[in-house]
Protein backbone atom coordinates (compact mmCIF):
# COMPACT_ATOMS: atom_id res chain seq x y z
CA MET A 1 204.09 66.14 98.74
CA ASN A 2 206.46 62.37 100.20
CA GLU A 3 205.16 59.36 98.89
CA LYS A 4 203.69 57.92 101.84
CA VAL A 5 200.80 61.74 100.77
CA ARG A 6 200.80 60.26 96.68
CA TYR A 7 200.13 56.88 97.87
CA TRP A 8 197.22 57.51 100.41
CA ILE A 9 195.60 60.26 97.84
CA GLU A 10 195.82 57.37 94.66
CA LEU A 11 194.04 54.72 96.48
CA SER A 12 191.34 57.52 97.47
CA ASP A 13 190.81 58.37 93.99
CA TYR A 14 191.00 54.81 93.50
CA ASP A 15 188.00 54.09 96.03
CA TYR A 16 186.44 56.79 94.69
CA GLU A 17 186.57 54.78 91.25
CA THR A 18 185.12 51.89 92.95
CA ALA A 19 182.24 53.39 95.13
CA LEU A 20 180.62 54.95 90.94
CA ALA A 21 182.18 51.55 89.53
CA MET A 22 179.20 50.09 92.10
CA LEU A 23 176.58 53.03 91.84
CA GLN A 24 177.02 51.94 87.53
CA SER A 25 176.35 48.26 88.73
CA GLY A 26 173.23 48.61 91.35
CA ARG A 27 175.23 47.84 94.65
CA TYR A 28 174.39 50.46 96.57
CA LEU A 29 175.38 49.06 99.94
CA TYR A 30 179.38 49.00 98.82
CA VAL A 31 179.26 52.56 97.16
CA GLY A 32 178.20 53.66 101.05
CA PHE A 33 180.96 51.59 101.77
CA MET A 34 183.78 52.89 99.16
CA CYS A 35 182.73 56.49 99.87
CA HIS A 36 183.70 55.88 104.15
CA GLN A 37 186.57 53.78 102.28
CA THR A 38 187.72 57.60 99.67
CA ILE A 39 187.13 59.64 102.52
CA GLU A 40 189.68 57.93 105.49
CA LYS A 41 191.92 57.25 102.48
CA ILE A 42 192.23 61.23 101.83
CA LEU A 43 192.36 61.93 105.44
CA LYS A 44 194.99 59.68 106.20
CA ALA A 45 196.88 61.39 103.81
CA CYS A 46 195.83 64.47 105.41
CA PHE A 47 197.54 63.43 108.13
CA ASN A 48 200.75 61.85 106.83
CA SER A 49 200.85 65.38 105.04
CA LYS A 50 201.02 67.33 108.82
CA THR A 51 202.75 65.49 110.89
CA GLY A 52 204.92 63.43 108.67
CA GLU A 53 204.06 60.27 110.67
CA PRO A 54 202.80 57.22 109.71
CA ALA A 55 198.66 56.75 109.76
CA PRO A 56 196.68 56.42 112.34
CA TYR A 57 194.95 52.62 112.34
CA THR A 58 191.07 53.91 112.45
CA HIS A 59 188.30 53.81 111.09
CA SER A 60 186.96 56.50 112.41
CA LEU A 61 186.55 59.82 110.25
CA SER A 62 186.12 62.18 112.63
CA LEU A 63 188.92 60.90 115.00
CA LEU A 64 191.14 60.71 111.81
CA ALA A 65 189.66 64.93 110.92
CA GLN A 66 190.76 65.41 114.06
CA LYS A 67 194.26 63.95 114.79
CA ALA A 68 194.69 65.97 111.06
CA THR A 69 193.83 69.19 112.74
CA ILE A 70 191.16 69.95 110.30
CA TYR A 71 187.96 69.15 111.74
CA ASP A 72 187.71 72.02 113.39
CA HIS A 73 188.14 74.19 109.60
CA LEU A 74 185.47 71.58 107.92
CA PRO A 75 182.76 73.61 106.90
CA GLU A 76 178.88 72.40 109.09
CA GLU A 77 178.38 70.40 106.35
CA PHE A 78 181.16 68.40 105.58
CA LYS A 79 181.23 67.53 109.63
CA ASN A 80 177.37 66.41 109.09
CA PHE A 81 178.33 64.68 105.91
CA ILE A 82 181.02 62.60 108.25
CA ASP A 83 178.51 61.95 110.26
CA ILE A 84 175.94 60.44 107.93
CA LEU A 85 179.41 58.21 106.45
CA GLU A 86 180.57 56.91 109.78
CA PRO A 87 178.12 54.22 109.65
CA LEU A 88 178.29 52.91 106.67
CA ASN A 89 182.27 51.73 107.02
CA ILE A 90 180.93 49.08 109.67
CA GLU A 91 177.00 48.21 108.18
CA ALA A 92 178.89 47.39 105.74
CA ARG A 93 180.58 44.34 106.90
CA TYR A 94 177.87 43.06 109.35
CA PRO A 95 175.03 40.70 107.88
CA SER A 96 172.51 41.69 110.80
CA HIS A 97 173.00 45.53 109.48
CA LYS A 98 173.31 44.53 106.45
CA GLU A 99 169.19 44.39 105.12
CA ARG A 100 168.02 47.86 106.83
CA LEU A 101 171.12 49.81 104.84
CA MET A 102 170.11 48.61 101.83
CA LYS A 103 166.35 49.71 101.46
CA SER A 104 167.92 52.59 102.96
CA LEU A 105 170.17 53.23 100.18
CA THR A 106 168.70 54.48 96.67
CA LYS A 107 170.23 55.33 94.01
CA GLU A 108 169.52 58.78 94.44
CA ARG A 109 171.09 58.36 97.53
CA CYS A 110 173.48 57.25 96.86
CA GLU A 111 173.89 59.80 93.89
CA SER A 112 174.04 62.51 96.81
CA ILE A 113 177.16 60.75 98.76
CA LEU A 114 179.12 60.43 96.28
CA GLN A 115 178.59 63.95 94.58
CA ASP A 116 179.15 65.19 98.75
CA THR A 117 181.98 62.50 98.97
CA LYS A 118 184.01 63.96 95.88
CA ASN A 119 183.48 67.75 97.57
CA LEU A 120 184.62 66.54 100.50
CA GLN A 121 187.43 64.81 99.08
CA LEU A 122 188.25 67.78 96.63
CA TRP A 123 188.73 70.31 99.79
CA ILE A 124 190.92 68.05 101.93
CA LYS A 125 193.05 68.13 98.55
CA GLU A 126 193.06 71.61 98.23
CA LYS A 127 194.71 71.35 102.12
CA LEU A 128 197.68 69.45 101.18
């Protein structure tokens, strides 16, 4: 495994740990944001592993999965989960979206998002 792939994996793991810390502190908005970051970075590791090229500058999880040539191999539940995570990156950054998003992110929903994030991250790691 090359250094750049390890770099992205370490960042992905760090972001997942941060998401757990955000859950424990009750900062549910940032649980979703950090879960998105977790998957974004593991997809960048996958892209770099498969192509040897630097990861693209994008936050689009579906685009990264396609460029890493794993999107078509993802189980349907992971494709659906990517659709759930996708807006959590952008909406967490803009005040007009924060209030609506915060109302939808309960502790239970965040626990579910965290579990799905870990499952997808592990699935992708197995493909590296």
